[in-house]
């Protein structure tokens, strides 16, 4: 498995900061990582926030309450 990950043709990835406006918790600055499968249009997009930040606390709150609205 390690040899596959070391090959550059297995997948490409990009990473950038994104700011989104969430209707319940407001503005979030997230790390957006995109992993693309080689030879495919398949992409995995993962948005995370740095541990201990207000953005991370907001994501944890959203994970705990689910799709409910606060108002």
PDB file of N, CA and C in Angstrom:
ATOM      1  N   UNK A   1       0.830  -1.188   0.000  1.00  0.00           N
ATOM      2  CA  UNK A   1       0.000   0.000   0.000  1.00  0.00           C
ATOM      3  C   UNK A   1       0.879   1.257   0.000  1.00  0.00           C
ATOM      4  N   UNK A   2       1.942   1.241   0.757  1.00  0.00           N
ATOM      5  CA  UNK A   2       2.828   2.402   0.834  1.00  0.00           C
ATOM      6  C   UNK A   2       3.385   2.756  -0.543  1.00  0.00           C
ATOM      7  N   UNK A   3       3.701   1.738  -1.340  1.00  0.00           N
ATOM      8  CA  UNK A   3       4.231   1.976  -2.690  1.00  0.00           C
ATOM      9  C   UNK A   3       3.190   2.658  -3.575  1.00  0.00           C
ATOM     10  N   UNK A   4       1.916   2.275  -3.433  1.00  0.00           N
ATOM     11  CA  UNK A   4       0.868   2.909  -4.221  1.00  0.00           C
ATOM     12  C   UNK A   4       0.751   4.389  -3.894  1.00  0.00           C
ATOM     13  N   UNK A   5       0.778   4.730  -2.607  1.00  0.00           N
ATOM     14  CA  UNK A   5       0.649   6.134  -2.214  1.00  0.00           C
ATOM     15  C   UNK A   5       1.857   6.949  -2.655  1.00  0.00           C
ATOM     16  N   UNK A   6       3.005   6.320  -2.769  1.00  0.00           N
ATOM     17  CA  UNK A   6       4.209   7.027  -3.189  1.00  0.00           C
ATOM     18  C   UNK A   6       4.188   7.354  -4.685  1.00  0.00           C
ATOM     19  N   UNK A   7       3.374   6.633  -5.456  1.00  0.00           N
ATOM     20  CA  UNK A   7       3.270   6.901  -6.894  1.00  0.00           C
ATOM     21  C   UNK A   7       2.477   8.179  -7.120  1.00  0.00           C
ATOM     22  N   UNK A   8       2.931   8.983  -8.058  1.00  0.00           N
ATOM     23  CA  UNK A   8       2.243  10.247  -8.309  1.00  0.00           C
ATOM     24  C   UNK A   8       0.999  10.089  -9.156  1.00  0.00           C
ATOM     25  N   UNK A   9       0.831   8.950  -9.837  1.00  0.00           N
ATOM     26  CA  UNK A   9      -0.337   8.792 -10.694  1.00  0.00           C
ATOM     27  C   UNK A   9      -1.539   8.210  -9.959  1.00  0.00           C
ATOM     28  N   UNK A  10      -1.407   7.941  -8.684  1.00  0.00           N
ATOM     29  CA  UNK A  10      -2.521   7.383  -7.926  1.00  0.00           C
ATOM     30  C   UNK A  10      -3.598   8.430  -7.705  1.00  0.00           C
ATOM     31  N   UNK A  11      -3.210   9.605  -7.273  1.00  0.00           N
ATOM     32  CA  UNK A  11      -4.189  10.669  -7.031  1.00  0.00           C
ATOM     33  C   UNK A  11      -3.472  11.999  -6.920  1.00  0.00           C
ATOM     34  N   UNK A  12      -4.229  13.042  -7.206  1.00  0.00           N
ATOM     35  CA  UNK A  12      -3.734  14.402  -7.002  1.00  0.00           C
ATOM     36  C   UNK A  12      -4.552  15.011  -5.874  1.00  0.00           C
ATOM     37  N   UNK A  13      -3.946  15.924  -5.149  1.00  0.00           N
ATOM     38  CA  UNK A  13      -4.701  16.579  -4.084  1.00  0.00           C
ATOM     39  C   UNK A  13      -4.388  18.065  -4.084  1.00  0.00           C
ATOM     40  N   UNK A  14      -5.378  18.822  -3.658  1.00  0.00           N
ATOM     41  CA  UNK A  14      -5.204  20.255  -3.492  1.00  0.00           C
ATOM     42  C   UNK A  14      -5.737  20.634  -2.121  1.00  0.00           C
ATOM     43  N   UNK A  15      -5.222  21.720  -1.599  1.00  0.00           N
ATOM     44  CA  UNK A  15      -5.656  22.182  -0.290  1.00  0.00           C
ATOM     45  C   UNK A  15      -5.710  23.704  -0.316  1.00  0.00           C
ATOM     46  N   UNK A  16      -6.775  24.246   0.254  1.00  0.00           N
ATOM     47  CA  UNK A  16      -6.896  25.696   0.342  1.00  0.00           C
ATOM     48  C   UNK A  16      -7.841  26.063   1.473  1.00  0.00           C
ATOM     49  N   UNK A  17      -7.770  27.306   1.897  1.00  0.00           N
ATOM     50  CA  UNK A  17      -8.710  27.810   2.893  1.00  0.00           C
ATOM     51  C   UNK A  17      -9.952  28.319   2.180  1.00  0.00           C
ATOM     52  N   UNK A  18     -11.113  28.015   2.745  1.00  0.00           N
ATOM     53  CA  UNK A  18     -12.373  28.510   2.201  1.00  0.00           C
ATOM     54  C   UNK A  18     -13.162  29.144   3.331  1.00  0.00           C
ATOM     55  N   UNK A  19     -13.853  30.222   3.013  1.00  0.00           N
ATOM     56  CA  UNK A  19     -14.741  30.856   3.971  1.00  0.00           C
ATOM     57  C   UNK A  19     -16.164  30.652   3.475  1.00  0.00           C
ATOM     58  N   UNK A  20     -16.994  30.111   4.360  1.00  0.00           N
ATOM     59  CA  UNK A  20     -18.394  29.879   4.014  1.00  0.00           C
ATOM     60  C   UNK A  20     -19.274  30.562   5.052  1.00  0.00           C
ATOM     61  N   UNK A  21     -20.453  30.932   4.638  1.00  0.00           N
ATOM     62  CA  UNK A  21     -21.428  31.556   5.532  1.00  0.00           C
ATOM     63  C   UNK A  21     -22.510  30.520   5.818  1.00  0.00           C
ATOM     64  N   UNK A  22     -22.541  30.011   7.045  1.00  0.00           N
ATOM     65  CA  UNK A  22     -23.528  29.004   7.427  1.00  0.00           C
ATOM     66  C   UNK A  22     -24.733  29.710   8.034  1.00  0.00           C
ATOM     67  N   UNK A  23     -25.949  29.299   7.686  1.00  0.00           N
ATOM     68  CA  UNK A  23     -27.139  30.013   8.181  1.00  0.00           C
ATOM     69  C   UNK A  23     -27.333  29.955   9.692  1.00  0.00           C
ATOM     70  N   UNK A  24     -26.758  28.976  10.357  1.00  0.00           N
ATOM     71  CA  UNK A  24     -26.966  28.846  11.808  1.00  0.00           C
ATOM     72  C   UNK A  24     -25.776  29.312  12.646  1.00  0.00           C
ATOM     73  N   UNK A  25     -24.553  29.075  12.189  1.00  0.00           N
ATOM     74  CA  UNK A  25     -23.387  29.407  13.015  1.00  0.00           C
ATOM     75  C   UNK A  25     -22.550  30.545  12.436  1.00  0.00           C
ATOM     76  N   UNK A  26     -22.963  31.078  11.291  1.00  0.00           N
ATOM     77  CA  UNK A  26     -22.256  32.220  10.726  1.00  0.00           C
ATOM     78  C   UNK A  26     -21.051  31.835   9.883  1.00  0.00           C
ATOM     79  N   UNK A  27     -20.110  32.738   9.838  1.00  0.00           N
ATOM     80  CA  UNK A  27     -18.938  32.590   8.971  1.00  0.00           C
ATOM     81  C   UNK A  27     -17.961  31.557   9.540  1.00  0.00           C
ATOM     82  N   UNK A  28     -17.542  30.643   8.671  1.00  0.00           N
ATOM     83  CA  UNK A  28     -16.571  29.607   9.030  1.00  0.00           C
ATOM     84  C   UNK A  28     -15.405  29.649   8.046  1.00  0.00           C
ATOM     85  N   UNK A  29     -14.192  29.602   8.563  1.00  0.00           N
ATOM     86  CA  UNK A  29     -13.013  29.465   7.714  1.00  0.00           C
ATOM     87  C   UNK A  29     -12.534  28.029   7.867  1.00  0.00           C
ATOM     88  N   UNK A  30     -12.525  27.312   6.738  1.00  0.00           N
ATOM     89  CA  UNK A  30     -12.256  25.874   6.760  1.00  0.00           C
ATOM     90  C   UNK A  30     -11.099  25.516   5.849  1.00  0.00           C
ATOM     91  N   UNK A  31     -10.386  24.464   6.235  1.00  0.00           N
ATOM     92  CA  UNK A  31      -9.386  23.862   5.368  1.00  0.00           C
ATOM     93  C   UNK A  31     -10.139  22.950   4.406  1.00  0.00           C
ATOM     94  N   UNK A  32     -10.021  23.197   3.123  1.00  0.00           N
ATOM     95  CA  UNK A  32     -10.705  22.396   2.114  1.00  0.00           C
ATOM     96  C   UNK A  32      -9.666  21.559   1.379  1.00  0.00           C
ATOM     97  N   UNK A  33      -9.739  20.255   1.543  1.00  0.00           N
ATOM     98  CA  UNK A  33      -8.827  19.334   0.885  1.00  0.00           C
ATOM     99  C   UNK A  33      -9.601  18.529  -0.151  1.00  0.00           C
ATOM    100  N   UNK A  34      -9.069  18.483  -1.368  1.00  0.00           N
ATOM    101  CA  UNK A  34      -9.704  17.747  -2.461  1.00  0.00           C
ATOM    102  C   UNK A  34      -8.730  16.682  -2.944  1.00  0.00           C
ATOM    103  N   UNK A  35      -9.170  15.440  -2.916  1.00  0.00           N
ATOM    104  CA  UNK A  35      -8.376  14.319  -3.401  1.00  0.00           C
ATOM    105  C   UNK A  35      -9.044  13.820  -4.674  1.00  0.00           C
ATOM    106  N   UNK A  36      -8.282  13.791  -5.769  1.00  0.00           N
ATOM    107  CA  UNK A  36      -8.823  13.362  -7.052  1.00  0.00           C
ATOM    108  C   UNK A  36      -8.237  12.003  -7.419  1.00  0.00           C
ATOM    109  N   UNK A  37      -9.107  11.084  -7.822  1.00  0.00           N
ATOM    110  CA  UNK A  37      -8.662   9.770  -8.270  1.00  0.00           C
ATOM    111  C   UNK A  37      -8.119   9.892  -9.690  1.00  0.00           C
ATOM    112  N   UNK A  38      -6.933   9.351  -9.916  1.00  0.00           N
ATOM    113  CA  UNK A  38      -6.310   9.423 -11.232  1.00  0.00           C
ATOM    114  C   UNK A  38      -7.169   8.702 -12.266  1.00  0.00           C
ATOM    115  N   UNK A  39      -7.324   9.337 -13.423  1.00  0.00           N
ATOM    116  CA  UNK A  39      -8.075   8.725 -14.503  1.00  0.00           C
ATOM    117  C   UNK A  39      -9.572   8.686 -14.289  1.00  0.00           C
ATOM    118  N   UNK A  40     -10.083   9.498 -13.380  1.00  0.00           N
ATOM    119  CA  UNK A  40     -11.500   9.480 -13.054  1.00  0.00           C
ATOM    120  C   UNK A  40     -11.962  10.894 -12.735  1.00  0.00           C
ATOM    121  N   UNK A  41     -13.270  11.104 -12.787  1.00  0.00           N
ATOM    122  CA  UNK A  41     -13.824  12.385 -12.358  1.00  0.00           C
ATOM    123  C   UNK A  41     -14.207  12.354 -10.882  1.00  0.00           C
ATOM    124  N   UNK A  42     -13.910  11.254 -10.216  1.00  0.00           N
ATOM    125  CA  UNK A  42     -14.235  11.089  -8.805  1.00  0.00           C
ATOM    126  C   UNK A  42     -13.351  11.992  -7.950  1.00  0.00           C
ATOM    127  N   UNK A  43     -13.995  12.726  -7.023  1.00  0.00           N
ATOM    128  CA  UNK A  43     -13.275  13.605  -6.098  1.00  0.00           C
ATOM    129  C   UNK A  43     -13.836  13.424  -4.695  1.00  0.00           C
ATOM    130  N   UNK A  44     -12.956  13.476  -3.731  1.00  0.00           N
ATOM    131  CA  UNK A  44     -13.352  13.467  -2.332  1.00  0.00           C
ATOM    132  C   UNK A  44     -12.998  14.836  -1.767  1.00  0.00           C
ATOM    133  N   UNK A  45     -14.014  15.554  -1.270  1.00  0.00           N
ATOM    134  CA  UNK A  45     -13.807  16.884  -0.712  1.00  0.00           C
ATOM    135  C   UNK A  45     -14.035  16.809   0.796  1.00  0.00           C
ATOM    136  N   UNK A  46     -13.037  17.253   1.562  1.00  0.00           N
ATOM    137  CA  UNK A  46     -13.118  17.214   3.017  1.00  0.00           C
ATOM    138  C   UNK A  46     -12.873  18.617   3.550  1.00  0.00           C
ATOM    139  N   UNK A  47     -13.841  19.114   4.327  1.00  0.00           N
ATOM    140  CA  UNK A  47     -13.706  20.418   4.972  1.00  0.00           C
ATOM    141  C   UNK A  47     -13.510  20.207   6.464  1.00  0.00           C
ATOM    142  N   UNK A  48     -12.442  20.785   7.002  1.00  0.00           N
ATOM    143  CA  UNK A  48     -12.142  20.656   8.425  1.00  0.00           C
ATOM    144  C   UNK A  48     -11.738  22.024   8.972  1.00  0.00           C
ATOM    145  N   UNK A  49     -11.682  22.102  10.281  1.00  0.00           N
ATOM    146  CA  UNK A  49     -11.205  23.315  10.946  1.00  0.00           C
ATOM    147  C   UNK A  49     -10.130  22.916  11.943  1.00  0.00           C
ATOM    148  N   UNK A  50      -9.204  23.803  12.176  1.00  0.00           N
ATOM    149  CA  UNK A  50      -8.112  23.527  13.106  1.00  0.00           C
ATOM    150  C   UNK A  50      -8.672  23.274  14.509  1.00  0.00           C
ATOM    151  N   UNK A  51      -8.160  22.252  15.192  1.00  0.00           N
ATOM    152  CA  UNK A  51      -8.632  21.939  16.543  1.00  0.00           C
ATOM    153  C   UNK A  51      -8.506  23.134  17.485  1.00  0.00           C
ATOM    154  N   UNK A  52      -9.509  23.297  18.335  1.00  0.00           N
ATOM    155  CA  UNK A  52      -9.484  24.342  19.352  1.00  0.00           C
ATOM    156  C   UNK A  52      -9.901  25.719  18.866  1.00  0.00           C
ATOM    157  N   UNK A  53     -10.189  25.857  17.582  1.00  0.00           N
ATOM    158  CA  UNK A  53     -10.587  27.162  17.053  1.00  0.00           C
ATOM    159  C   UNK A  53     -12.102  27.339  17.160  1.00  0.00           C
ATOM    160  N   UNK A  54     -12.573  28.572  17.118  1.00  0.00           N
ATOM    161  CA  UNK A  54     -14.022  28.793  17.093  1.00  0.00           C
ATOM    162  C   UNK A  54     -14.691  28.096  15.900  1.00  0.00           C
ATOM    163  N   UNK A  55     -13.990  28.022  14.774  1.00  0.00           N
ATOM    164  CA  UNK A  55     -14.542  27.329  13.608  1.00  0.00           C
ATOM    165  C   UNK A  55     -14.741  25.840  13.911  1.00  0.00           C
ATOM    166  N   UNK A  56     -13.788  25.237  14.592  1.00  0.00           N
ATOM    167  CA  UNK A  56     -13.906  23.829  14.969  1.00  0.00           C
ATOM    168  C   UNK A  56     -15.041  23.623  15.962  1.00  0.00           C
ATOM    169  N   UNK A  57     -15.187  24.532  16.908  1.00  0.00           N
ATOM    170  CA  UNK A  57     -16.279  24.429  17.875  1.00  0.00           C
ATOM    171  C   UNK A  57     -17.630  24.534  17.176  1.00  0.00           C
ATOM    172  N   UNK A  58     -17.719  25.399  16.161  1.00  0.00           N
ATOM    173  CA  UNK A  58     -18.971  25.535  15.412  1.00  0.00           C
ATOM    174  C   UNK A  58     -19.281  24.249  14.646  1.00  0.00           C
ATOM    175  N   UNK A  59     -18.261  23.628  14.037  1.00  0.00           N
ATOM    176  CA  UNK A  59     -18.478  22.359  13.341  1.00  0.00           C
ATOM    177  C   UNK A  59     -18.922  21.268  14.309  1.00  0.00           C
ATOM    178  N   UNK A  60     -18.322  21.237  15.498  1.00  0.00           N
ATOM    179  CA  UNK A  60     -18.720  20.239  16.501  1.00  0.00           C
ATOM    180  C   UNK A  60     -20.165  20.462  16.931  1.00  0.00           C
ATOM    181  N   UNK A  61     -20.563  21.711  17.088  1.00  0.00           N
ATOM    182  CA  UNK A  61     -21.948  22.022  17.441  1.00  0.00           C
ATOM    183  C   UNK A  61     -22.896  21.533  16.345  1.00  0.00           C
ATOM    184  N   UNK A  62     -22.547  21.808  15.089  1.00  0.00           N
ATOM    185  CA  UNK A  62     -23.383  21.350  13.981  1.00  0.00           C
ATOM    186  C   UNK A  62     -23.466  19.831  13.927  1.00  0.00           C
ATOM    187  N   UNK A  63     -22.375  19.149  14.221  1.00  0.00           N
ATOM    188  CA  UNK A  63     -22.381  17.689  14.225  1.00  0.00           C
ATOM    189  C   UNK A  63     -23.267  17.150  15.336  1.00  0.00           C
ATOM    190  N   UNK A  64     -23.309  17.857  16.458  1.00  0.00           N
ATOM    191  CA  UNK A  64     -24.105  17.396  17.604  1.00  0.00           C
ATOM    192  C   UNK A  64     -25.597  17.622  17.395  1.00  0.00           C
ATOM    193  N   UNK A  65     -25.981  18.749  16.818  1.00  0.00           N
ATOM    194  CA  UNK A  65     -27.408  19.051  16.692  1.00  0.00           C
ATOM    195  C   UNK A  65     -28.020  18.555  15.396  1.00  0.00           C
ATOM    196  N   UNK A  66     -27.199  18.235  14.413  1.00  0.00           N
ATOM    197  CA  UNK A  66     -27.735  17.740  13.141  1.00  0.00           C
ATOM    198  C   UNK A  66     -28.418  18.834  12.355  1.00  0.00           C
ATOM    199  N   UNK A  67     -29.446  18.481  11.582  1.00  0.00           N
ATOM    200  CA  UNK A  67     -30.057  19.456  10.677  1.00  0.00           C
ATOM    201  C   UNK A  67     -31.067  20.407  11.327  1.00  0.00           C
ATOM    202  N   UNK A  68     -31.152  20.453  12.647  1.00  0.00           N
ATOM    203  CA  UNK A  68     -32.090  21.362  13.315  1.00  0.00           C
ATOM    204  C   UNK A  68     -31.676  22.814  13.136  1.00  0.00           C
ATOM    205  N   UNK A  69     -32.648  23.697  13.228  1.00  0.00           N
ATOM    206  CA  UNK A  69     -32.334  25.126  13.221  1.00  0.00           C
ATOM    207  C   UNK A  69     -32.367  25.626  14.667  1.00  0.00           C
ATOM    208  N   UNK A  70     -31.626  26.683  14.928  1.00  0.00           N
ATOM    209  CA  UNK A  70     -31.514  27.198  16.301  1.00  0.00           C
ATOM    210  C   UNK A  70     -32.588  28.207  16.622  1.00  0.00           C
ATOM    211  N   UNK A  71     -33.178  28.816  15.618  1.00  0.00           N
ATOM    212  CA  UNK A  71     -34.140  29.892  15.849  1.00  0.00           C
ATOM    213  C   UNK A  71     -35.495  29.335  15.937  1.00  0.00           C
TER     214      UNK A  71
END
